[in-house]
Amino acid sequence: MKKIVLMVVAMLSMTMAFAENENNSAVKSVEAYDMTVNMRKLAVTLELNSDQMEAVQDIHTAFCNDMYLAGSAHAEERKALVDEAVKKDIRYMHYILDEKQYKKYLLLLNTTLINRGLK
């Protein structure tokens, strides 16, 4: 009887440890899709004027929402949703930023996506 109880306790503890790791990996994958940034630092880095800053903030908010939707979607759909969100963000940013700012923004965006394992 003692062996059965110990075996049940061991099985439950292993099951709980496995479930905990599974939940942690799911949370980490969703956190990778959180694209919020410090807008003041982005504005300083890109040397934005006040009109550009307001437009970039609106575009980036829409991008964050699109990325959140991609992060909460099924694994099969994520890549397509991320690609669509990035293309839309790049298209809008190209309209707002000049060439120098746009190149710097592309560098920052690509680096962020690569560091988070999304590209």
PDB file of N, CA and C in Angstrom:
ATOM      1  N   MET A   1       0.829  -1.192   0.000  1.00  0.00           N
ATOM      2  CA  MET A   1       0.000   0.000   0.000  1.00  0.00           C
ATOM      3  C   MET A   1       0.872   1.253   0.000  1.00  0.00           C
ATOM      4  N   LYS A   2       1.935   1.218   0.766  1.00  0.00           N
ATOM      5  CA  LYS A   2       2.828   2.349   0.871  1.00  0.00           C
ATOM      6  C   LYS A   2       3.475   2.647  -0.487  1.00  0.00           C
ATOM      7  N   LYS A   3       3.856   1.603  -1.216  1.00  0.00           N
ATOM      8  CA  LYS A   3       4.470   1.766  -2.530  1.00  0.00           C
ATOM      9  C   LYS A   3       3.487   2.379  -3.526  1.00  0.00           C
ATOM     10  N   ILE A   4       2.251   2.006  -3.454  1.00  0.00           N
ATOM     11  CA  ILE A   4       1.229   2.544  -4.364  1.00  0.00           C
ATOM     12  C   ILE A   4       1.035   4.032  -4.108  1.00  0.00           C
ATOM     13  N   VAL A   5       0.961   4.421  -2.855  1.00  0.00           N
ATOM     14  CA  VAL A   5       0.782   5.827  -2.507  1.00  0.00           C
ATOM     15  C   VAL A   5       1.989   6.640  -2.978  1.00  0.00           C
ATOM     16  N   LEU A   6       3.192   6.130  -2.762  1.00  0.00           N
ATOM     17  CA  LEU A   6       4.387   6.833  -3.208  1.00  0.00           C
ATOM     18  C   LEU A   6       4.428   6.941  -4.727  1.00  0.00           C
ATOM     19  N   MET A   7       3.994   5.890  -5.416  1.00  0.00           N
ATOM     20  CA  MET A   7       3.977   5.914  -6.872  1.00  0.00           C
ATOM     21  C   MET A   7       2.959   6.955  -7.388  1.00  0.00           C
ATOM     22  N   VAL A   8       1.808   7.046  -6.760  1.00  0.00           N
ATOM     23  CA  VAL A   8       0.794   8.033  -7.144  1.00  0.00           C
ATOM     24  C   VAL A   8       1.318   9.450  -6.922  1.00  0.00           C
ATOM     25  N   VAL A   9       1.970   9.684  -5.792  1.00  0.00           N
ATOM     26  CA  VAL A   9       2.535  11.004  -5.497  1.00  0.00           C
ATOM     27  C   VAL A   9       3.605  11.356  -6.519  1.00  0.00           C
ATOM     28  N   ALA A  10       4.457  10.404  -6.872  1.00  0.00           N
ATOM     29  CA  ALA A  10       5.503  10.649  -7.865  1.00  0.00           C
ATOM     30  C   ALA A  10       4.898  10.972  -9.226  1.00  0.00           C
ATOM     31  N   MET A  11       3.875  10.241  -9.621  1.00  0.00           N
ATOM     32  CA  MET A  11       3.231  10.477 -10.916  1.00  0.00           C
ATOM     33  C   MET A  11       2.567  11.862 -10.945  1.00  0.00           C
ATOM     34  N   LEU A  12       1.908  12.232  -9.867  1.00  0.00           N
ATOM     35  CA  LEU A  12       1.261  13.549  -9.811  1.00  0.00           C
ATOM     36  C   LEU A  12       2.286  14.675  -9.876  1.00  0.00           C
ATOM     37  N   SER A  13       3.398  14.519  -9.175  1.00  0.00           N
ATOM     38  CA  SER A  13       4.410  15.579  -9.183  1.00  0.00           C
ATOM     39  C   SER A  13       5.060  15.703 -10.559  1.00  0.00           C
ATOM     40  N   MET A  14       5.286  14.589 -11.245  1.00  0.00           N
ATOM     41  CA  MET A  14       5.862  14.654 -12.595  1.00  0.00           C
ATOM     42  C   MET A  14       4.873  15.282 -13.570  1.00  0.00           C
ATOM     43  N   THR A  15       3.605  14.958 -13.418  1.00  0.00           N
ATOM     44  CA  THR A  15       2.582  15.536 -14.290  1.00  0.00           C
ATOM     45  C   THR A  15       2.483  17.040 -14.085  1.00  0.00           C
ATOM     46  N   MET A  16       2.523  17.467 -12.828  1.00  0.00           N
ATOM     47  CA  MET A  16       2.441  18.900 -12.539  1.00  0.00           C
ATOM     48  C   MET A  16       3.659  19.638 -13.077  1.00  0.00           C
ATOM     49  N   ALA A  17       4.827  19.048 -12.967  1.00  0.00           N
ATOM     50  CA  ALA A  17       6.043  19.680 -13.490  1.00  0.00           C
ATOM     51  C   ALA A  17       5.974  19.813 -15.002  1.00  0.00           C
ATOM     52  N   PHE A  18       5.466  18.802 -15.666  1.00  0.00           N
ATOM     53  CA  PHE A  18       5.323  18.855 -17.127  1.00  0.00           C
ATOM     54  C   PHE A  18       4.327  19.930 -17.536  1.00  0.00           C
ATOM     55  N   ALA A  19       3.204  20.015 -16.849  1.00  0.00           N
ATOM     56  CA  ALA A  19       2.185  21.021 -17.176  1.00  0.00           C
ATOM     57  C   ALA A  19       2.711  22.430 -16.926  1.00  0.00           C
ATOM     58  N   GLU A  20       3.514  22.608 -15.889  1.00  0.00           N
ATOM     59  CA  GLU A  20       4.074  23.925 -15.602  1.00  0.00           C
ATOM     60  C   GLU A  20       4.999  24.373 -16.725  1.00  0.00           C
ATOM     61  N   ASN A  21       5.854  23.484 -17.215  1.00  0.00           N
ATOM     62  CA  ASN A  21       6.749  23.826 -18.317  1.00  0.00           C
ATOM     63  C   ASN A  21       5.986  24.153 -19.576  1.00  0.00           C
ATOM     64  N   GLU A  22       4.905  23.453 -19.819  1.00  0.00           N
ATOM     65  CA  GLU A  22       4.086  23.703 -21.005  1.00  0.00           C
ATOM     66  C   GLU A  22       3.452  25.080 -20.947  1.00  0.00           C
ATOM     67  N   ASN A  23       2.945  25.463 -19.778  1.00  0.00           N
ATOM     68  CA  ASN A  23       2.346  26.790 -19.627  1.00  0.00           C
ATOM     69  C   ASN A  23       3.390  27.886 -19.755  1.00  0.00           C
ATOM     70  N   ASN A  24       4.586  27.674 -19.213  1.00  0.00           N
ATOM     71  CA  ASN A  24       5.652  28.670 -19.311  1.00  0.00           C
ATOM     72  C   ASN A  24       6.065  28.899 -20.754  1.00  0.00           C
ATOM     73  N   SER A  25       6.166  27.847 -21.544  1.00  0.00           N
ATOM     74  CA  SER A  25       6.554  28.018 -22.941  1.00  0.00           C
ATOM     75  C   SER A  25       5.465  28.735 -23.727  1.00  0.00           C
ATOM     76  N   ALA A  26       4.201  28.484 -23.395  1.00  0.00           N
ATOM     77  CA  ALA A  26       3.112  29.187 -24.074  1.00  0.00           C
ATOM     78  C   ALA A  26       3.140  30.678 -23.745  1.00  0.00           C
ATOM     79  N   VAL A  27       3.411  31.012 -22.485  1.00  0.00           N
ATOM     80  CA  VAL A  27       3.480  32.415 -22.082  1.00  0.00           C
ATOM     81  C   VAL A  27       4.652  33.097 -22.771  1.00  0.00           C
ATOM     82  N   LYS A  28       5.816  32.425 -22.836  1.00  0.00           N
ATOM     83  CA  LYS A  28       6.983  33.022 -23.472  1.00  0.00           C
ATOM     84  C   LYS A  28       6.735  33.273 -24.950  1.00  0.00           C
ATOM     85  N   SER A  29       6.030  32.376 -25.609  1.00  0.00           N
ATOM     86  CA  SER A  29       5.789  32.582 -27.030  1.00  0.00           C
ATOM     87  C   SER A  29       4.846  33.754 -27.262  1.00  0.00           C
ATOM     88  N   VAL A  30       3.872  33.949 -26.391  1.00  0.00           N
ATOM     89  CA  VAL A  30       2.953  35.080 -26.535  1.00  0.00           C
ATOM     90  C   VAL A  30       3.674  36.387 -26.210  1.00  0.00           C
ATOM     91  N   GLU A  31       4.600  36.362 -25.245  1.00  0.00           N
ATOM     92  CA  GLU A  31       5.343  37.566 -24.888  1.00  0.00           C
ATOM     93  C   GLU A  31       6.221  38.049 -26.037  1.00  0.00           C
ATOM     94  N   ALA A  32       6.636  37.158 -26.908  1.00  0.00           N
ATOM     95  CA  ALA A  32       7.472  37.543 -28.048  1.00  0.00           C
ATOM     96  C   ALA A  32       6.709  38.447 -29.006  1.00  0.00           C
ATOM     97  N   TYR A  33       5.396  38.376 -28.988  1.00  0.00           N
ATOM     98  CA  TYR A  33       4.571  39.171 -29.898  1.00  0.00           C
ATOM     99  C   TYR A  33       4.195  40.529 -29.319  1.00  0.00           C
ATOM    100  N   ASP A  34       4.626  40.820 -28.103  1.00  0.00           N
ATOM    101  CA  ASP A  34       4.374  42.130 -27.495  1.00  0.00           C
ATOM    102  C   ASP A  34       5.401  43.108 -28.057  1.00  0.00           C
ATOM    103  N   MET A  35       4.963  44.021 -28.895  1.00  0.00           N
ATOM    104  CA  MET A  35       5.868  44.922 -29.606  1.00  0.00           C
ATOM    105  C   MET A  35       5.843  46.347 -29.053  1.00  0.00           C
ATOM    106  N   THR A  36       5.406  46.525 -27.821  1.00  0.00           N
ATOM    107  CA  THR A  36       5.364  47.866 -27.258  1.00  0.00           C
ATOM    108  C   THR A  36       6.789  48.398 -27.072  1.00  0.00           C
ATOM    109  N   VAL A  37       6.954  49.657 -27.352  1.00  0.00           N
ATOM    110  CA  VAL A  37       8.258  50.315 -27.213  1.00  0.00           C
ATOM    111  C   VAL A  37       8.069  51.647 -26.511  1.00  0.00           C
ATOM    112  N   ASN A  38       9.155  52.199 -26.046  1.00  0.00           N
ATOM    113  CA  ASN A  38       9.160  53.531 -25.459  1.00  0.00           C
ATOM    114  C   ASN A  38       9.137  54.528 -26.623  1.00  0.00           C
ATOM    115  N   MET A  39       8.023  55.204 -26.807  1.00  0.00           N
ATOM    116  CA  MET A  39       7.854  56.092 -27.965  1.00  0.00           C
ATOM    117  C   MET A  39       8.798  57.289 -27.909  1.00  0.00           C
ATOM    118  N   ARG A  40       9.127  57.765 -26.734  1.00  0.00           N
ATOM    119  CA  ARG A  40      10.059  58.899 -26.647  1.00  0.00           C
ATOM    120  C   ARG A  40      11.442  58.499 -27.149  1.00  0.00           C
ATOM    121  N   LYS A  41      11.897  57.309 -26.764  1.00  0.00           N
ATOM    122  CA  LYS A  41      13.208  56.851 -27.232  1.00  0.00           C
ATOM    123  C   LYS A  41      13.191  56.603 -28.736  1.00  0.00           C
ATOM    124  N   LEU A  42      12.082  56.066 -29.241  1.00  0.00           N
ATOM    125  CA  LEU A  42      11.959  55.863 -30.679  1.00  0.00           C
ATOM    126  C   LEU A  42      11.973  57.202 -31.407  1.00  0.00           C
ATOM    127  N   ALA A  43      11.283  58.196 -30.856  1.00  0.00           N
ATOM    128  CA  ALA A  43      11.248  59.521 -31.472  1.00  0.00           C
ATOM    129  C   ALA A  43      12.629  60.168 -31.488  1.00  0.00           C
ATOM    130  N   VAL A  44      13.384  59.987 -30.421  1.00  0.00           N
ATOM    131  CA  VAL A  44      14.737  60.547 -30.368  1.00  0.00           C
ATOM    132  C   VAL A  44      15.640  59.811 -31.354  1.00  0.00           C
ATOM    133  N   THR A  45      15.533  58.503 -31.391  1.00  0.00           N
ATOM    134  CA  THR A  45      16.374  57.703 -32.278  1.00  0.00           C
ATOM    135  C   THR A  45      16.108  58.029 -33.742  1.00  0.00           C
ATOM    136  N   LEU A  46      14.832  58.187 -34.092  1.00  0.00           N
ATOM    137  CA  LEU A  46      14.472  58.468 -35.480  1.00  0.00           C
ATOM    138  C   LEU A  46      14.458  59.965 -35.796  1.00  0.00           C
ATOM    139  N   GLU A  47      14.667  60.796 -34.776  1.00  0.00           N
ATOM    140  CA  GLU A  47      14.644  62.252 -34.942  1.00  0.00           C
ATOM    141  C   GLU A  47      13.323  62.717 -35.552  1.00  0.00           C
ATOM    142  N   LEU A  48      12.232  62.344 -34.893  1.00  0.00           N
ATOM    143  CA  LEU A  48      10.894  62.673 -35.383  1.00  0.00           C
ATOM    144  C   LEU A  48      10.478  64.071 -34.950  1.00  0.00           C
ATOM    145  N   ASN A  49       9.716  64.748 -35.807  1.00  0.00           N
ATOM    146  CA  ASN A  49       9.100  66.000 -35.386  1.00  0.00           C
ATOM    147  C   ASN A  49       7.767  65.658 -34.713  1.00  0.00           C
ATOM    148  N   SER A  50       7.067  66.636 -34.196  1.00  0.00           N
ATOM    149  CA  SER A  50       5.856  66.364 -33.415  1.00  0.00           C
ATOM    150  C   SER A  50       4.751  65.723 -34.256  1.00  0.00           C
ATOM    151  N   ASP A  51       4.596  66.150 -35.507  1.00  0.00           N
ATOM    152  CA  ASP A  51       3.574  65.549 -36.366  1.00  0.00           C
ATOM    153  C   ASP A  51       3.904  64.093 -36.671  1.00  0.00           C
ATOM    154  N   GLN A  52       5.161  63.846 -36.969  1.00  0.00           N
ATOM    155  CA  GLN A  52       5.585  62.473 -37.244  1.00  0.00           C
ATOM    156  C   GLN A  52       5.423  61.589 -36.007  1.00  0.00           C
ATOM    157  N   MET A  53       5.738  62.147 -34.850  1.00  0.00           N
ATOM    158  CA  MET A  53       5.647  61.364 -33.621  1.00  0.00           C
ATOM    159  C   MET A  53       4.213  60.905 -33.371  1.00  0.00           C
ATOM    160  N   GLU A  54       3.267  61.791 -33.576  1.00  0.00           N
ATOM    161  CA  GLU A  54       1.868  61.439 -33.377  1.00  0.00           C
ATOM    162  C   GLU A  54       1.429  60.357 -34.376  1.00  0.00           C
ATOM    163  N   ALA A  55       1.814  60.510 -35.633  1.00  0.00           N
ATOM    164  CA  ALA A  55       1.451  59.526 -36.651  1.00  0.00           C
ATOM    165  C   ALA A  55       2.126  58.180 -36.392  1.00  0.00           C
ATOM    166  N   VAL A  56       3.398  58.215 -36.010  1.00  0.00           N
ATOM    167  CA  VAL A  56       4.130  56.971 -35.724  1.00  0.00           C
ATOM    168  C   VAL A  56       3.515  56.262 -34.524  1.00  0.00           C
ATOM    169  N   GLN A  57       3.092  57.021 -33.542  1.00  0.00           N
ATOM    170  CA  GLN A  57       2.468  56.419 -32.367  1.00  0.00           C
ATOM    171  C   GLN A  57       1.165  55.715 -32.750  1.00  0.00           C
ATOM    172  N   ASP A  58       0.360  56.341 -33.587  1.00  0.00           N
ATOM    173  CA  ASP A  58      -0.887  55.718 -34.035  1.00  0.00           C
ATOM    174  C   ASP A  58      -0.619  54.453 -34.851  1.00  0.00           C
ATOM    175  N   ILE A  59       0.347  54.531 -35.754  1.00  0.00           N
ATOM    176  CA  ILE A  59       0.693  53.375 -36.583  1.00  0.00           C
ATOM    177  C   ILE A  59       1.232  52.250 -35.711  1.00  0.00           C
ATOM    178  N   HIS A  60       2.068  52.591 -34.758  1.00  0.00           N
ATOM    179  CA  HIS A  60       2.661  51.564 -33.900  1.00  0.00           C
ATOM    180  C   HIS A  60       1.612  50.915 -32.993  1.00  0.00           C
ATOM    181  N   THR A  61       0.632  51.684 -32.553  1.00  0.00           N
ATOM    182  CA  THR A  61      -0.450  51.115 -31.750  1.00  0.00           C
ATOM    183  C   THR A  61      -1.224  50.083 -32.568  1.00  0.00           C
ATOM    184  N   ALA A  62      -1.522  50.406 -33.820  1.00  0.00           N
ATOM    185  CA  ALA A  62      -2.201  49.445 -34.697  1.00  0.00           C
ATOM    186  C   ALA A  62      -1.323  48.210 -34.925  1.00  0.00           C
ATOM    187  N   PHE A  63      -0.017  48.419 -35.080  1.00  0.00           N
ATOM    188  CA  PHE A  63       0.918  47.298 -35.264  1.00  0.00           C
ATOM    189  C   PHE A  63       0.934  46.406 -34.027  1.00  0.00           C
ATOM    190  N   CYS A  64       0.953  47.000 -32.850  1.00  0.00           N
ATOM    191  CA  CYS A  64       0.934  46.218 -31.609  1.00  0.00           C
ATOM    192  C   CYS A  64      -0.345  45.388 -31.508  1.00  0.00           C
ATOM    193  N   ASN A  65      -1.469  45.964 -31.900  1.00  0.00           N
ATOM    194  CA  ASN A  65      -2.732  45.225 -31.885  1.00  0.00           C
ATOM    195  C   ASN A  65      -2.696  44.057 -32.863  1.00  0.00           C
ATOM    196  N   ASP A  66      -2.163  44.284 -34.060  1.00  0.00           N
ATOM    197  CA  ASP A  66      -2.051  43.211 -35.047  1.00  0.00           C
ATOM    198  C   ASP A  66      -1.132  42.099 -34.546  1.00  0.00           C
ATOM    199  N   MET A  67      -0.032  42.469 -33.905  1.00  0.00           N
ATOM    200  CA  MET A  67       0.896  41.470 -33.384  1.00  0.00           C
ATOM    201  C   MET A  67       0.290  40.704 -32.210  1.00  0.00           C
ATOM    202  N   TYR A  68      -0.515  41.383 -31.404  1.00  0.00           N
ATOM    203  CA  TYR A  68      -1.204  40.699 -30.308  1.00  0.00           C
ATOM    204  C   TYR A  68      -2.159  39.649 -30.861  1.00  0.00           C
ATOM    205  N   LEU A  69      -2.875  40.006 -31.920  1.00  0.00           N
ATOM    206  CA  LEU A  69      -3.774  39.044 -32.555  1.00  0.00           C
ATOM    207  C   LEU A  69      -2.988  37.866 -33.134  1.00  0.00           C
ATOM    208  N   ALA A  70      -1.840  38.143 -33.705  1.00  0.00           N
ATOM    209  CA  ALA A  70      -1.001  37.068 -34.244  1.00  0.00           C
ATOM    210  C   ALA A  70      -0.504  36.162 -33.121  1.00  0.00           C
ATOM    211  N   GLY A  71      -0.147  36.742 -32.001  1.00  0.00           N
ATOM    212  CA  GLY A  71       0.342  35.945 -30.876  1.00  0.00           C
ATOM    213  C   GLY A  71      -0.721  35.067 -30.262  1.00  0.00           C
ATOM    214  N   SER A  72      -1.967  35.489 -30.333  1.00  0.00           N
ATOM    215  CA  SER A  72      -3.047  34.692 -29.747  1.00  0.00           C
ATOM    216  C   SER A  72      -3.709  33.766 -30.762  1.00  0.00           C
ATOM    217  N   ALA A  73      -3.256  33.784 -32.008  1.00  0.00           N
ATOM    218  CA  ALA A  73      -3.818  32.919 -33.046  1.00  0.00           C
ATOM    219  C   ALA A  73      -3.188  31.527 -32.971  1.00  0.00           C
ATOM    220  N   HIS A  74      -3.755  30.608 -33.741  1.00  0.00           N
ATOM    221  CA  HIS A  74      -3.201  29.253 -33.814  1.00  0.00           C
ATOM    222  C   HIS A  74      -1.820  29.296 -34.458  1.00  0.00           C
ATOM    223  N   ALA A  75      -0.996  28.333 -34.132  1.00  0.00           N
ATOM    224  CA  ALA A  75       0.396  28.297 -34.600  1.00  0.00           C
ATOM    225  C   ALA A  75       0.490  28.302 -36.121  1.00  0.00           C
ATOM    226  N   GLU A  76      -0.465  27.663 -36.802  1.00  0.00           N
ATOM    227  CA  GLU A  76      -0.417  27.601 -38.256  1.00  0.00           C
ATOM    228  C   GLU A  76      -0.652  28.976 -38.894  1.00  0.00           C
ATOM    229  N   GLU A  77      -1.401  29.828 -38.225  1.00  0.00           N
ATOM    230  CA  GLU A  77      -1.771  31.132 -38.774  1.00  0.00           C
ATOM    231  C   GLU A  77      -0.804  32.247 -38.375  1.00  0.00           C
ATOM    232  N   ARG A  78       0.030  32.005 -37.386  1.00  0.00           N
ATOM    233  CA  ARG A  78       0.857  33.074 -36.828  1.00  0.00           C
ATOM    234  C   ARG A  78       1.791  33.709 -37.847  1.00  0.00           C
ATOM    235  N   LYS A  79       2.520  32.902 -38.591  1.00  0.00           N
ATOM    236  CA  LYS A  79       3.499  33.452 -39.529  1.00  0.00           C
ATOM    237  C   LYS A  79       2.823  34.370 -40.541  1.00  0.00           C
ATOM    238  N   ALA A  80       1.693  33.949 -41.088  1.00  0.00           N
ATOM    239  CA  ALA A  80       0.980  34.769 -42.067  1.00  0.00           C
ATOM    240  C   ALA A  80       0.496  36.070 -41.436  1.00  0.00           C
ATOM    241  N   LEU A  81      -0.006  36.003 -40.220  1.00  0.00           N
ATOM    242  CA  LEU A  81      -0.487  37.215 -39.548  1.00  0.00           C
ATOM    243  C   LEU A  81       0.660  38.164 -39.206  1.00  0.00           C
ATOM    244  N   VAL A  82       1.789  37.609 -38.795  1.00  0.00           N
ATOM    245  CA  VAL A  82       2.965  38.449 -38.498  1.00  0.00           C
ATOM    246  C   VAL A  82       3.451  39.129 -39.771  1.00  0.00           C
ATOM    247  N   ASP A  83       3.554  38.357 -40.862  1.00  0.00           N
ATOM    248  CA  ASP A  83       3.995  38.935 -42.137  1.00  0.00           C
ATOM    249  C   ASP A  83       3.065  40.047 -42.595  1.00  0.00           C
ATOM    250  N   GLU A  84       1.767  39.824 -42.461  1.00  0.00           N
ATOM    251  CA  GLU A  84       0.788  40.837 -42.863  1.00  0.00           C
ATOM    252  C   GLU A  84       0.903  42.087 -41.997  1.00  0.00           C
ATOM    253  N   ALA A  85       1.072  41.909 -40.686  1.00  0.00           N
ATOM    254  CA  ALA A  85       1.204  43.055 -39.774  1.00  0.00           C
ATOM    255  C   ALA A  85       2.470  43.848 -40.073  1.00  0.00           C
ATOM    256  N   VAL A  86       3.566  43.152 -40.337  1.00  0.00           N
ATOM    257  CA  VAL A  86       4.839  43.835 -40.627  1.00  0.00           C
ATOM    258  C   VAL A  86       4.746  44.593 -41.945  1.00  0.00           C
ATOM    259  N   LYS A  87       4.167  43.972 -42.961  1.00  0.00           N
ATOM    260  CA  LYS A  87       4.031  44.647 -44.263  1.00  0.00           C
ATOM    261  C   LYS A  87       3.180  45.907 -44.139  1.00  0.00           C
ATOM    262  N   LYS A  88       2.092  45.813 -43.398  1.00  0.00           N
ATOM    263  CA  LYS A  88       1.222  46.971 -43.216  1.00  0.00           C
ATOM    264  C   LYS A  88       1.955  48.078 -42.453  1.00  0.00           C
ATOM    265  N   ASP A  89       2.696  47.699 -41.399  1.00  0.00           N
ATOM    266  CA  ASP A  89       3.444  48.668 -40.613  1.00  0.00           C
ATOM    267  C   ASP A  89       4.508  49.355 -41.456  1.00  0.00           C
ATOM    268  N   ILE A  90       5.234  48.581 -42.234  1.00  0.00           N
ATOM    269  CA  ILE A  90       6.287  49.139 -43.084  1.00  0.00           C
ATOM    270  C   ILE A  90       5.706  50.089 -44.131  1.00  0.00           C
ATOM    271  N   ARG A  91       4.588  49.693 -44.722  1.00  0.00           N
ATOM    272  CA  ARG A  91       3.963  50.533 -45.743  1.00  0.00           C
ATOM    273  C   ARG A  91       3.539  51.886 -45.154  1.00  0.00           C
ATOM    274  N   TYR A  92       2.921  51.860 -43.976  1.00  0.00           N
ATOM    275  CA  TYR A  92       2.486  53.105 -43.349  1.00  0.00           C
ATOM    276  C   TYR A  92       3.670  53.959 -42.887  1.00  0.00           C
ATOM    277  N   MET A  93       4.684  53.314 -42.335  1.00  0.00           N
ATOM    278  CA  MET A  93       5.855  54.059 -41.863  1.00  0.00           C
ATOM    279  C   MET A  93       6.611  54.697 -43.031  1.00  0.00           C
ATOM    280  N   HIS A  94       6.651  54.021 -44.159  1.00  0.00           N
ATOM    281  CA  HIS A  94       7.341  54.574 -45.333  1.00  0.00           C
ATOM    282  C   HIS A  94       6.665  55.870 -45.791  1.00  0.00           C
ATOM    283  N   TYR A  95       5.370  55.932 -45.605  1.00  0.00           N
ATOM    284  CA  TYR A  95       4.617  57.133 -45.979  1.00  0.00           C
ATOM    285  C   TYR A  95       4.931  58.298 -45.036  1.00  0.00           C
ATOM    286  N   ILE A  96       5.160  58.017 -43.762  1.00  0.00           N
ATOM    287  CA  ILE A  96       5.350  59.061 -42.748  1.00  0.00           C
ATOM    288  C   ILE A  96       6.810  59.504 -42.634  1.00  0.00           C
ATOM    289  N   LEU A  97       7.745  58.568 -42.711  1.00  0.00           N
ATOM    290  CA  LEU A  97       9.149  58.864 -42.451  1.00  0.00           C
ATOM    291  C   LEU A  97       9.896  59.220 -43.729  1.00  0.00           C
ATOM    292  N   ASP A  98      10.961  60.014 -43.582  1.00  0.00           N
ATOM    293  CA  ASP A  98      11.830  60.254 -44.736  1.00  0.00           C
ATOM    294  C   ASP A  98      12.763  59.050 -44.901  1.00  0.00           C
ATOM    295  N   GLU A  99      13.585  59.062 -45.930  1.00  0.00           N
ATOM    296  CA  GLU A  99      14.401  57.879 -46.260  1.00  0.00           C
ATOM    297  C   GLU A  99      15.381  57.504 -45.147  1.00  0.00           C
ATOM    298  N   LYS A 100      16.024  58.496 -44.560  1.00  0.00           N
ATOM    299  CA  LYS A 100      16.991  58.217 -43.488  1.00  0.00           C
ATOM    300  C   LYS A 100      16.281  57.601 -42.272  1.00  0.00           C
ATOM    301  N   GLN A 101      15.163  58.200 -41.888  1.00  0.00           N
ATOM    302  CA  GLN A 101      14.396  57.692 -40.760  1.00  0.00           C
ATOM    303  C   GLN A 101      13.843  56.295 -41.058  1.00  0.00           C
ATOM    304  N   TYR A 102      13.388  56.107 -42.278  1.00  0.00           N
ATOM    305  CA  TYR A 102      12.800  54.831 -42.678  1.00  0.00           C
ATOM    306  C   TYR A 102      13.828  53.712 -42.633  1.00  0.00           C
ATOM    307  N   LYS A 103      15.039  53.965 -43.104  1.00  0.00           N
ATOM    308  CA  LYS A 103      16.096  52.944 -43.060  1.00  0.00           C
ATOM    309  C   LYS A 103      16.442  52.586 -41.624  1.00  0.00           C
ATOM    310  N   LYS A 104      16.509  53.586 -40.760  1.00  0.00           N
ATOM    311  CA  LYS A 104      16.815  53.330 -39.352  1.00  0.00           C
ATOM    312  C   LYS A 104      15.682  52.540 -38.699  1.00  0.00           C
ATOM    313  N   TYR A 105      14.433  52.879 -39.061  1.00  0.00           N
ATOM    314  CA  TYR A 105      13.283  52.157 -38.507  1.00  0.00           C
ATOM    315  C   TYR A 105      13.294  50.695 -38.967  1.00  0.00           C
ATOM    316  N   LEU A 106      13.598  50.451 -40.233  1.00  0.00           N
ATOM    317  CA  LEU A 106      13.676  49.077 -40.734  1.00  0.00           C
ATOM    318  C   LEU A 106      14.739  48.281 -39.986  1.00  0.00           C
ATOM    319  N   LEU A 107      15.865  48.901 -39.721  1.00  0.00           N
ATOM    320  CA  LEU A 107      16.932  48.240 -38.977  1.00  0.00           C
ATOM    321  C   LEU A 107      16.451  47.863 -37.578  1.00  0.00           C
ATOM    322  N   LEU A 108      15.786  48.791 -36.906  1.00  0.00           N
ATOM    323  CA  LEU A 108      15.273  48.517 -35.561  1.00  0.00           C
ATOM    324  C   LEU A 108      14.211  47.422 -35.570  1.00  0.00           C
ATOM    325  N   LEU A 109      13.304  47.488 -36.540  1.00  0.00           N
ATOM    326  CA  LEU A 109      12.227  46.496 -36.620  1.00  0.00           C
ATOM    327  C   LEU A 109      12.785  45.112 -36.926  1.00  0.00           C
ATOM    328  N   ASN A 110      13.685  45.019 -37.890  1.00  0.00           N
ATOM    329  CA  ASN A 110      14.268  43.720 -38.226  1.00  0.00           C
ATOM    330  C   ASN A 110      15.044  43.135 -37.057  1.00  0.00           C
ATOM    331  N   THR A 111      15.803  43.960 -36.362  1.00  0.00           N
ATOM    332  CA  THR A 111      16.560  43.490 -35.203  1.00  0.00           C
ATOM    333  C   THR A 111      15.620  42.982 -34.120  1.00  0.00           C
ATOM    334  N   THR A 112      14.545  43.702 -33.874  1.00  0.00           N
ATOM    335  CA  THR A 112      13.576  43.289 -32.865  1.00  0.00           C
ATOM    336  C   THR A 112      12.929  41.963 -33.239  1.00  0.00           C
ATOM    337  N   LEU A 113      12.515  41.827 -34.489  1.00  0.00           N
ATOM    338  CA  LEU A 113      11.873  40.584 -34.919  1.00  0.00           C
ATOM    339  C   LEU A 113      12.829  39.393 -34.849  1.00  0.00           C
ATOM    340  N   ILE A 114      14.075  39.605 -35.222  1.00  0.00           N
ATOM    341  CA  ILE A 114      15.060  38.525 -35.166  1.00  0.00           C
ATOM    342  C   ILE A 114      15.350  38.145 -33.713  1.00  0.00           C
ATOM    343  N   ASN A 115      15.516  39.132 -32.850  1.00  0.00           N
ATOM    344  CA  ASN A 115      15.811  38.845 -31.437  1.00  0.00           C
ATOM    345  C   ASN A 115      14.678  38.094 -30.748  1.00  0.00           C
ATOM    346  N   ARG A 116      13.469  38.322 -31.182  1.00  0.00           N
ATOM    347  CA  ARG A 116      12.326  37.644 -30.580  1.00  0.00           C
ATOM    348  C   ARG A 116      11.982  36.323 -31.278  1.00  0.00           C
ATOM    349  N   GLY A 117      12.727  35.988 -32.308  1.00  0.00           N
ATOM    350  CA  GLY A 117      12.513  34.725 -32.993  1.00  0.00           C
ATOM    351  C   GLY A 117      11.300  34.712 -33.888  1.00  0.00           C
ATOM    352  N   LEU A 118      10.889  35.874 -34.361  1.00  0.00           N
ATOM    353  CA  LEU A 118       9.700  35.971 -35.204  1.00  0.00           C
ATOM    354  C   LEU A 118      10.036  36.056 -36.682  1.00  0.00           C
ATOM    355  N   LYS A 119      11.310  36.108 -37.003  1.00  0.00           N
ATOM    356  CA  LYS A 119      11.700  36.203 -38.404  1.00  0.00           C
ATOM    357  C   LYS A 119      12.705  35.153 -38.754  1.00  0.00           C
TER     358      LYS A 119
END
